[in-house]
Amino acid sequence: MLARLLSRHELATRIATDGDIALSIVLQRPPAAIILDYRMERMDGISLLARLHELELSIPVIMLTGYPAITDAVQAIKLGACEYLTKPFDHEQLLGVLRRLLSRTAGKGWSACTKEGLTPAAALARDMGPSRHVQELVALVARVARTDFSVLIVGETGVGKELLARAIHAASTRAAGPFVALDCGAIAESLFENELFGHEKGSFTGATDKAAGKFEAAHGGTLFLDEVSNLPASTQPKLLRALEQKAVCRLGAVRPVPVDVRIVAATNVQPEVLMEAGRFRPDLFYRLNEFVLRVPPLRERREDIPYLAQRFLSVANAQLGKDIRGFSEPALELLTSHSWPGNVRELHHVVRQAALAAVEVIGERELGLRATPFVMSCNSHATPQWQGMALREVVRQHLAIVERRVLTEALRTASGNKARAARMLQIDYKTIHQKLKEYGIQVKDGHGSAHE
């Protein structure tokens, strides 16, 4: 009703049926204002306000409620709501409030925002997904970014460690300074010292002029040491000295050069394993890990998969000049159940290739993935697919696959009626709605089938 009202006054709207969907919409493209109901399924209005407040999204919010209470109003205002209207309200009153808020914010930007109008924390949530794992990471990033702590990011290849490093830099007091990245796995051992500290003219054959290293290039900003586990043993004591003295000495130089640099390092190997193997100095490790962020692999946050797949599809459509509508139900089930050893990077690659091959909808065939159930091999020499995983995780992945299939079949049997499907499965409506959202299952209007 409100969307129709606003459209008659030439205001474009986007509708969300619950707080989780609303947050995804806001992160994709921030609106000029939000009209927010107090009571919604899953995430209510106050909880959504709290999330927007955590992400430092200063978007004008009008809170609506049919259950007025002074304490609720005070809480909403504290969390950033601009107005608090009780139902039934006058349409002209709402339009007047909305016009005032829009005129007040017209032409104004958000402080410390990306070019899309998002704060660094919100941009990180948009890029990584809506899961609770990501929400916890975003909160930790926002907390440590305000400090000058050295940060160690630990996670498998492809989980998005550099995204976190850039978000830390963008949300810090050093945001105006440079962000310099160095891939420690892509440099020959003999060149490491030169890359980090630079050299003076004539310090070695071919040094026809002096050159600054990555430390000096990052002065006043952040130096990101990616895959720091590849740092040669010979370079580690020199890096430790540079960090402790806040100065570097170029190759061939006599006097050190002062540098003001924050270090963010990343590794796909557990640092404790490296130290036990004698490949990493404990004193350097303790200097780098003043704050540790552990990024869970994609298989441990499967609720992010439908969101990320659709996001990558939107990007692929724009790049390829196509209009692929989405994913078939079997394709989405395959995406959700896949183990993703290459994590988000692999998912991006698979979706992009599938978009190129698809015509209207991406199906199993276009994905080119094989289902990866956990089975016991009869070959005693074969490595079990579950090796290296905790029993709890193996069981959880099996449960997610089975649960998704049962939900889909129940919806088909119930001709798309969620209430009827809930009764069949002996669960309440709120639970089935939550499960459908978690697995990215929606119901086509007027058709008894499920889709993403």
Protein backbone atom coordinates (compact mmCIF):
# COMPACT_ATOMS: atom_id res chain seq x y z
CA MET A 1 0.00 0.00 0.00
CA LEU A 2 2.79 2.41 0.93
CA ALA A 3 4.74 1.50 -2.23
CA ARG A 4 1.69 2.39 -4.37
CA LEU A 5 1.20 5.61 -2.42
CA LEU A 6 4.81 6.69 -2.86
CA SER A 7 4.89 5.75 -6.55
CA ARG A 8 1.96 8.14 -7.15
CA HIS A 9 4.23 10.87 -5.77
CA GLU A 10 7.10 9.87 -8.13
CA LEU A 11 9.14 8.09 -5.45
CA ALA A 12 10.74 4.77 -6.42
CA THR A 13 10.53 2.05 -3.76
CA ARG A 14 12.01 -1.35 -3.01
CA ILE A 15 10.07 -3.72 -0.74
CA ALA A 16 11.45 -6.19 1.82
CA THR A 17 9.27 -8.63 3.76
CA ASP A 18 11.69 -9.03 6.68
CA GLY A 19 14.78 -7.43 8.19
CA ASP A 20 17.28 -9.85 6.64
CA ILE A 21 16.02 -9.16 3.11
CA ALA A 22 15.97 -5.42 3.87
CA LEU A 23 19.61 -5.49 5.02
CA SER A 24 20.67 -7.27 1.80
CA ILE A 25 18.83 -4.66 -0.29
CA VAL A 26 20.40 -1.78 1.64
CA LEU A 27 23.90 -3.24 1.27
CA GLN A 28 23.47 -3.73 -2.48
CA ARG A 29 22.34 -0.15 -3.10
CA PRO A 30 21.68 2.24 -0.18
CA PRO A 31 18.32 4.02 -0.44
CA ALA A 32 17.71 7.70 0.27
CA ALA A 33 15.41 6.77 3.18
CA ILE A 34 13.87 3.75 4.91
CA ILE A 35 10.29 3.28 6.13
CA LEU A 36 10.57 0.51 8.68
CA ASP A 37 7.90 -1.50 10.46
CA TYR A 38 8.56 -2.31 14.10
CA ARG A 39 7.31 -5.92 13.91
CA MET A 40 8.64 -8.17 11.16
CA GLU A 41 9.54 -11.84 10.84
CA ARG A 42 13.03 -13.07 11.74
CA MET A 43 14.83 -9.72 12.20
CA ASP A 44 12.47 -7.07 13.61
CA GLY A 45 12.69 -3.33 13.07
CA ILE A 46 14.73 -2.57 16.20
CA SER A 47 17.22 -5.33 15.35
CA LEU A 48 17.60 -3.96 11.82
CA LEU A 49 18.13 -0.46 13.22
CA ALA A 50 20.85 -1.87 15.47
CA ARG A 51 22.57 -3.53 12.47
CA LEU A 52 22.43 -0.28 10.46
CA HIS A 53 23.88 1.52 13.49
CA GLU A 54 26.73 -1.04 13.78
CA LEU A 55 27.51 -0.60 10.08
CA GLU A 56 27.48 3.21 10.53
CA LEU A 57 24.88 3.63 7.80
CA SER A 58 23.40 7.06 8.43
CA ILE A 59 20.27 6.58 6.31
CA PRO A 60 17.13 8.46 7.49
CA VAL A 61 14.66 5.95 9.02
CA ILE A 62 10.95 6.40 9.74
CA MET A 63 9.79 3.77 12.23
CA LEU A 64 6.16 2.59 12.05
CA THR A 65 4.38 0.60 14.73
CA GLY A 66 0.89 -0.44 15.75
CA TYR A 67 2.07 -1.02 19.32
CA PRO A 68 3.21 2.37 20.64
CA ALA A 69 5.36 2.40 23.75
CA ILE A 70 7.55 5.16 25.10
CA THR A 71 10.46 2.77 25.79
CA ASP A 72 10.34 1.46 22.21
CA ALA A 73 10.32 5.00 20.83
CA VAL A 74 13.30 5.99 22.96
CA GLN A 75 15.22 2.89 21.87
CA ALA A 76 14.45 3.54 18.19
CA ILE A 77 15.58 7.17 18.43
CA LYS A 78 18.79 6.12 20.20
CA LEU A 79 19.54 3.69 17.37
CA GLY A 80 19.14 6.42 14.77
CA ALA A 81 15.46 6.55 13.76
CA CYS A 82 14.52 10.08 12.67
CA GLU A 83 10.76 9.71 13.20
CA TYR A 84 8.48 7.33 15.09
CA LEU A 85 4.91 7.12 13.77
CA THR A 86 2.09 5.03 15.23
CA LYS A 87 -0.58 3.28 13.19
CA PRO A 88 -3.04 4.32 11.92
CA PHE A 89 -1.21 7.35 10.55
CA ASP A 90 -2.26 10.02 8.08
CA HIS A 91 -0.79 9.60 4.60
CA GLU A 92 -0.09 13.30 4.28
CA GLN A 93 1.71 13.23 7.62
CA LEU A 94 3.99 10.42 6.40
CA LEU A 95 4.62 12.15 3.06
CA GLY A 96 5.44 15.41 4.85
CA VAL A 97 7.95 13.70 7.15
CA LEU A 98 9.52 11.84 4.22
CA ARG A 99 9.86 14.98 2.08
CA ARG A 100 11.48 16.82 4.97
CA LEU A 101 14.02 14.04 5.54
CA LEU A 102 14.82 13.74 1.83
CA SER A 103 15.32 17.48 1.43
CA ARG A 104 17.55 17.51 4.50
CA THR A 105 19.84 14.78 3.12
CA ALA A 106 19.70 15.77 -0.58
CA GLY A 107 23.18 16.35 -1.96
CA LYS A 108 24.85 15.25 1.26
CA GLY A 109 27.25 12.34 1.28
CA TRP A 110 28.03 9.89 4.03
CA SER A 111 31.20 10.48 5.98
CA ALA A 112 33.90 7.84 5.56
CA CYS A 113 31.89 6.09 2.84
CA THR A 114 32.84 4.23 -0.30
CA LYS A 115 31.86 5.63 -3.69
CA GLU A 116 28.68 3.50 -3.52
CA GLY A 117 27.58 5.35 -0.37
CA LEU A 118 28.51 2.56 2.05
CA THR A 119 30.72 2.69 5.08
CA PRO A 120 33.71 0.31 5.00
CA ALA A 121 31.91 -2.05 7.40
CA ALA A 122 28.75 -2.09 5.28
CA ALA A 123 30.76 -2.58 2.08
CA LEU A 124 32.49 -5.57 3.69
CA ALA A 125 29.12 -7.10 4.66
CA ARG A 126 27.86 -6.51 1.11
CA ASP A 127 30.89 -8.22 -0.41
CA MET A 128 31.03 -11.22 1.96
CA GLY A 129 27.37 -12.04 2.68
CA PRO A 130 24.58 -11.75 5.28
CA SER A 131 25.48 -14.73 7.52
CA ARG A 132 26.05 -14.45 11.26
CA HIS A 133 29.70 -15.45 10.70
CA VAL A 134 30.17 -12.40 8.47
CA GLN A 135 28.28 -10.13 10.89
CA GLU A 136 30.67 -11.15 13.66
CA LEU A 137 33.69 -10.51 11.39
CA VAL A 138 32.35 -7.08 10.41
CA ALA A 139 31.93 -6.14 14.09
CA LEU A 140 35.51 -7.25 14.84
CA VAL A 141 36.87 -5.31 11.85
CA ALA A 142 35.07 -2.17 12.98
CA ARG A 143 36.49 -2.60 16.50
CA VAL A 144 40.14 -3.17 15.54
CA ALA A 145 40.17 -0.61 12.70
CA ARG A 146 39.99 2.25 15.22
CA THR A 147 43.21 1.06 16.87
CA ASP A 148 46.73 0.86 15.51
CA PHE A 149 47.11 -2.86 16.31
CA SER A 150 48.93 -5.15 13.91
CA VAL A 151 46.35 -7.62 12.59
CA LEU A 152 46.84 -11.22 11.46
CA ILE A 153 44.09 -12.62 9.21
CA VAL A 154 43.95 -16.42 9.09
CA GLY A 155 41.86 -18.32 6.54
CA GLU A 156 41.91 -20.70 3.60
CA THR A 157 42.81 -19.53 0.10
CA GLY A 158 39.95 -17.66 -1.55
CA VAL A 159 37.93 -16.71 1.55
CA GLY A 160 38.49 -12.96 1.07
CA LYS A 161 41.36 -12.07 3.41
CA GLU A 162 42.36 -9.02 1.36
CA LEU A 163 38.76 -7.73 1.56
CA LEU A 164 39.13 -7.64 5.34
CA ALA A 165 42.54 -5.98 5.12
CA ARG A 166 41.19 -3.23 2.87
CA ALA A 167 38.16 -2.75 5.11
CA ILE A 168 40.43 -2.33 8.15
CA HIS A 169 42.43 0.30 6.30
CA ALA A 170 39.35 2.13 4.97
CA ALA A 171 37.76 2.31 8.44
CA SER A 172 40.95 3.44 10.19
CA THR A 173 42.42 6.89 10.82
CA ARG A 174 44.93 6.00 8.08
CA ALA A 175 42.26 5.78 5.37
CA ALA A 176 43.63 8.85 3.57
CA GLY A 177 47.06 7.21 3.41
CA PRO A 178 48.21 4.49 0.98
CA PHE A 179 47.23 0.83 1.11
CA VAL A 180 50.19 -1.19 -0.19
CA ALA A 181 49.88 -4.94 -0.77
CA LEU A 182 52.79 -7.36 -1.04
CA ASP A 183 52.25 -11.00 -2.03
CA CYS A 184 54.95 -12.83 -0.09
CA GLY A 185 54.40 -15.95 -2.17
CA ALA A 186 55.21 -14.27 -5.47
CA ILE A 187 58.69 -12.94 -4.72
CA ALA A 188 62.00 -14.78 -5.00
CA GLU A 189 63.86 -15.07 -1.69
CA SER A 190 66.82 -13.08 -3.02
CA LEU A 191 64.53 -10.10 -3.81
CA PHE A 192 62.55 -9.93 -0.57
CA GLU A 193 64.78 -7.46 1.25
CA ASN A 194 64.85 -5.12 -1.73
CA GLU A 195 61.04 -5.29 -2.10
CA LEU A 196 60.46 -4.48 1.56
CA PHE A 197 63.19 -1.93 2.27
CA GLY A 198 64.37 -0.57 -1.09
CA HIS A 199 67.97 0.23 -2.11
CA GLU A 200 70.46 3.02 -2.72
CA LYS A 201 72.11 3.78 -6.02
CA GLY A 202 75.04 1.44 -6.68
CA SER A 203 74.17 -0.93 -3.81
CA PHE A 204 74.21 -3.87 -6.26
CA THR A 205 74.71 -4.54 -9.95
CA GLY A 206 71.91 -2.90 -11.89
CA ALA A 207 70.97 -0.43 -9.14
CA THR A 208 71.33 2.64 -11.34
CA ASP A 209 69.17 4.78 -9.04
CA LYS A 210 67.82 4.66 -5.51
CA ALA A 211 64.37 3.17 -4.92
CA ALA A 212 62.01 3.04 -1.97
CA GLY A 213 60.61 -0.28 -0.78
CA LYS A 214 57.07 -1.23 0.21
CA PHE A 215 57.56 0.07 3.76
CA GLU A 216 58.32 3.60 2.60
CA ALA A 217 55.56 3.42 -0.03
CA ALA A 218 53.07 2.63 2.75
CA HIS A 219 54.23 5.49 5.01
CA GLY A 220 51.20 6.97 6.76
CA GLY A 221 49.03 4.06 5.67
CA THR A 222 48.78 0.27 5.76
CA LEU A 223 51.16 -2.42 4.51
CA PHE A 224 49.36 -5.69 3.73
CA LEU A 225 51.63 -8.75 3.78
CA ASP A 226 49.63 -11.42 1.98
CA GLU A 227 50.57 -15.08 2.62
CA VAL A 228 53.14 -14.00 5.19
CA SER A 229 53.86 -17.69 5.89
CA ASN A 230 56.05 -17.60 2.74
CA LEU A 231 58.36 -15.00 4.27
CA PRO A 232 61.96 -16.36 4.09
CA ALA A 233 63.66 -17.12 7.40
CA SER A 234 66.53 -14.77 6.46
CA THR A 235 64.13 -11.80 6.11
CA GLN A 236 62.11 -12.38 9.28
CA PRO A 237 64.59 -10.84 11.80
CA LYS A 238 64.99 -7.75 9.58
CA LEU A 239 61.22 -7.33 9.36
CA LEU A 240 60.95 -7.67 13.14
CA ARG A 241 63.62 -5.00 13.64
CA ALA A 242 61.83 -2.63 11.23
CA LEU A 243 58.55 -3.09 13.11
CA GLU A 244 60.10 -2.53 16.54
CA GLN A 245 62.26 0.46 15.54
CA LYS A 246 59.68 1.96 13.13
CA ALA A 247 62.48 2.56 10.66
CA VAL A 248 63.95 0.80 7.63
CA CYS A 249 67.43 0.75 6.19
CA ARG A 250 67.67 0.54 2.41
CA LEU A 251 70.19 -1.82 0.88
CA GLY A 252 73.50 0.03 0.70
CA ALA A 253 72.32 2.82 3.04
CA VAL A 254 74.02 3.95 6.23
CA ARG A 255 71.16 5.76 7.97
CA PRO A 256 67.70 4.32 8.61
CA VAL A 257 64.56 6.03 7.31
CA PRO A 258 61.69 6.52 9.81
CA VAL A 259 58.39 4.98 8.69
CA ASP A 260 54.89 5.12 10.14
CA VAL A 261 53.16 1.97 8.91
CA ARG A 262 50.41 -0.29 10.17
CA ILE A 263 50.89 -3.97 9.36
CA VAL A 264 48.06 -6.27 8.35
CA ALA A 265 49.25 -9.79 7.51
CA ALA A 266 47.39 -12.80 6.12
CA THR A 267 48.10 -16.51 5.97
CA ASN A 268 46.32 -19.67 4.83
CA VAL A 269 48.38 -21.79 7.23
CA GLN A 270 47.82 -21.91 10.96
CA PRO A 271 50.75 -19.89 12.42
CA GLU A 272 51.15 -22.36 15.29
CA VAL A 273 51.91 -25.08 12.74
CA LEU A 274 54.61 -22.93 11.14
CA MET A 275 56.26 -22.19 14.47
CA GLU A 276 56.27 -25.85 15.47
CA ALA A 277 57.95 -26.66 12.15
CA GLY A 278 60.55 -23.94 12.75
CA ARG A 279 59.48 -21.96 9.68
CA PHE A 280 58.33 -18.83 11.54
CA ARG A 281 59.97 -16.90 14.36
CA PRO A 282 57.77 -16.85 17.47
CA ASP A 283 58.81 -13.26 18.33
CA LEU A 284 57.75 -12.05 14.86
CA PHE A 285 54.49 -13.99 15.12
CA TYR A 286 53.65 -12.37 18.47
CA ARG A 287 54.49 -8.95 16.99
CA LEU A 288 52.14 -9.50 14.03
CA ASN A 289 49.22 -11.05 15.88
CA GLU A 290 48.25 -8.27 18.25
CA PHE A 291 44.76 -8.99 16.93
CA VAL A 292 43.74 -12.15 15.05
CA LEU A 293 40.82 -12.47 12.62
CA ARG A 294 39.90 -16.01 11.59
CA VAL A 295 37.81 -16.18 8.41
CA PRO A 296 35.63 -19.30 8.17
CA PRO A 297 35.63 -21.18 4.83
CA LEU A 298 32.56 -20.97 2.61
CA ARG A 299 31.45 -24.51 3.55
CA GLU A 300 30.97 -23.31 7.13
CA ARG A 301 28.75 -20.38 6.12
CA ARG A 302 26.53 -21.90 3.47
CA GLU A 303 23.78 -19.32 4.01
CA ASP A 304 26.09 -16.85 2.18
CA ILE A 305 26.20 -19.00 -0.98
CA PRO A 306 22.81 -18.04 -2.56
CA TYR A 307 23.49 -14.36 -1.81
CA LEU A 308 27.01 -14.43 -3.26
CA ALA A 309 25.96 -16.49 -6.28
CA GLN A 310 23.25 -13.96 -7.16
CA ARG A 311 25.66 -11.08 -6.59
CA PHE A 312 28.27 -12.65 -8.87
CA LEU A 313 25.56 -13.36 -11.46
CA SER A 314 24.54 -9.68 -11.47
CA VAL A 315 28.16 -8.69 -12.08
CA ALA A 316 28.54 -11.32 -14.83
CA ASN A 317 25.33 -10.15 -16.53
CA ALA A 318 26.68 -6.59 -16.66
CA GLN A 319 30.11 -7.69 -17.94
CA LEU A 320 28.77 -10.13 -20.53
CA GLY A 321 25.78 -8.05 -21.64
CA LYS A 322 23.37 -10.87 -20.70
CA ASP A 323 20.14 -11.11 -18.71
CA ILE A 324 20.30 -14.46 -16.92
CA ARG A 325 17.37 -14.47 -14.48
CA GLY A 326 18.81 -16.71 -11.78
CA PHE A 327 19.45 -20.33 -10.86
CA SER A 328 17.23 -23.39 -11.20
CA GLU A 329 16.27 -25.20 -8.00
CA PRO A 330 18.62 -28.18 -8.68
CA ALA A 331 21.45 -25.78 -9.54
CA LEU A 332 21.00 -23.82 -6.33
CA GLU A 333 20.90 -27.06 -4.34
CA LEU A 334 24.14 -28.13 -5.99
CA LEU A 335 25.78 -24.78 -5.21
CA THR A 336 24.71 -25.01 -1.57
CA SER A 337 25.86 -28.60 -1.09
CA HIS A 338 29.23 -28.25 -2.88
CA SER A 339 32.29 -28.31 -0.60
CA TRP A 340 33.99 -25.29 -2.32
CA PRO A 341 37.67 -26.06 -1.66
CA GLY A 342 38.52 -22.81 -3.47
CA ASN A 343 35.96 -20.89 -1.39
CA VAL A 344 34.50 -17.58 -2.63
CA ARG A 345 37.05 -17.25 -5.43
CA GLU A 346 35.97 -20.62 -6.83
CA LEU A 347 32.27 -19.72 -6.53
CA HIS A 348 32.87 -16.49 -8.45
CA HIS A 349 34.70 -18.38 -11.20
CA VAL A 350 31.97 -21.05 -11.48
CA VAL A 351 29.11 -18.53 -11.64
CA ARG A 352 30.88 -16.41 -14.25
CA GLN A 353 31.52 -19.42 -16.50
CA ALA A 354 27.94 -20.64 -16.02
CA ALA A 355 26.56 -17.21 -16.96
CA LEU A 356 28.52 -17.33 -20.20
CA ALA A 357 27.08 -20.75 -21.08
CA ALA A 358 23.47 -20.15 -19.93
CA VAL A 359 20.63 -18.72 -22.01
CA GLU A 360 17.90 -17.76 -19.52
CA VAL A 361 18.49 -19.63 -16.26
CA ILE A 362 21.62 -21.33 -14.88
CA GLY A 363 21.07 -25.06 -14.42
CA GLU A 364 23.18 -27.93 -13.18
CA ARG A 365 24.64 -28.46 -16.63
CA GLU A 366 25.98 -24.91 -16.89
CA LEU A 367 27.57 -25.09 -13.42
CA GLY A 368 29.71 -28.09 -14.35
CA LEU A 369 29.90 -29.19 -10.71
CA ARG A 370 29.57 -32.69 -9.39
CA ALA A 371 27.77 -33.43 -6.15
CA THR A 372 30.29 -34.19 -3.43
CA PRO A 373 28.60 -36.39 -0.83
CA PHE A 374 30.74 -37.83 1.94
CA VAL A 375 31.14 -41.54 1.27
CA MET A 376 33.39 -44.23 2.68
CA SER A 377 35.75 -45.51 0.04
CA CYS A 378 36.26 -49.28 -0.37
CA ASN A 379 39.80 -48.63 -1.53
CA SER A 380 42.01 -48.72 1.55
CA HIS A 381 44.61 -46.59 -0.22
CA ALA A 382 42.17 -43.81 -1.14
CA THR A 383 41.98 -40.66 0.98
CA PRO A 384 38.49 -40.32 2.52
CA GLN A 385 36.63 -37.19 1.40
CA TRP A 386 35.93 -36.32 5.01
CA GLN A 387 39.56 -36.55 6.14
CA GLY A 388 40.70 -33.48 8.03
CA MET A 389 37.14 -32.50 8.96
CA ALA A 390 35.55 -32.78 12.39
CA LEU A 391 32.75 -35.31 12.74
CA ARG A 392 30.41 -32.48 13.73
CA GLU A 393 31.10 -30.67 10.43
CA VAL A 394 30.58 -33.84 8.35
CA VAL A 395 27.23 -34.46 10.05
CA ARG A 396 26.22 -30.80 9.70
CA GLN A 397 26.88 -30.80 5.95
CA HIS A 398 24.87 -34.00 5.50
CA LEU A 399 22.03 -32.53 7.54
CA ALA A 400 21.97 -29.33 5.46
CA ILE A 401 21.73 -31.30 2.19
CA VAL A 402 18.93 -33.54 3.46
CA GLU A 403 17.03 -30.70 5.13
CA ARG A 404 17.04 -28.63 1.95
CA ARG A 405 15.77 -31.52 -0.17
CA VAL A 406 12.97 -32.32 2.30
CA LEU A 407 11.86 -28.68 2.41
CA THR A 408 11.79 -28.49 -1.38
CA GLU A 409 9.77 -31.71 -1.71
CA ALA A 410 7.32 -30.60 0.99
CA LEU A 411 6.72 -27.32 -0.83
CA ARG A 412 6.09 -29.14 -4.09
CA THR A 413 3.67 -31.54 -2.41
CA ALA A 414 1.90 -28.58 -0.76
CA SER A 415 1.67 -26.75 -4.14
CA GLY A 416 3.81 -23.94 -2.77
CA ASN A 417 1.67 -23.36 0.34
CA LYS A 418 4.19 -22.69 3.12
CA ALA A 419 1.69 -23.05 5.97
CA ARG A 420 0.57 -26.44 4.64
CA ALA A 421 4.19 -27.56 4.15
CA ALA A 422 4.96 -26.53 7.74
CA ARG A 423 2.09 -28.66 9.03
CA MET A 424 3.31 -31.62 6.97
CA LEU A 425 6.78 -31.29 8.50
CA GLN A 426 5.35 -30.66 11.98
CA ILE A 427 7.10 -27.33 12.40
CA ASP A 428 5.67 -23.84 12.90
CA TYR A 429 5.35 -21.24 10.14
CA LYS A 430 8.13 -19.06 11.52
CA THR A 431 10.57 -21.98 11.42
CA ILE A 432 9.81 -22.94 7.83
CA HIS A 433 10.07 -19.30 6.76
CA GLN A 434 13.47 -19.09 8.46
CA LYS A 435 14.66 -22.33 6.85
CA LEU A 436 13.53 -21.24 3.38
CA LYS A 437 15.43 -17.98 3.78
CA GLU A 438 18.53 -19.79 5.09
CA TYR A 439 18.67 -22.10 2.06
CA GLY A 440 17.67 -19.42 -0.47
CA ILE A 441 14.38 -21.16 -1.36
CA GLN A 442 11.49 -18.99 -2.47
CA VAL A 443 8.07 -19.93 -3.88
CA LYS A 444 6.94 -18.81 -7.30
CA ASP A 445 3.68 -16.89 -7.06
CA GLY A 446 0.83 -18.97 -8.36
CA HIS A 447 3.05 -21.95 -9.19
CA GLY A 448 3.56 -24.90 -6.91
CA SER A 449 7.34 -24.98 -7.19
CA ALA A 450 10.35 -23.57 -5.45
CA HIS A 451 13.19 -21.48 -6.82
CA GLU A 452 15.96 -19.17 -5.66
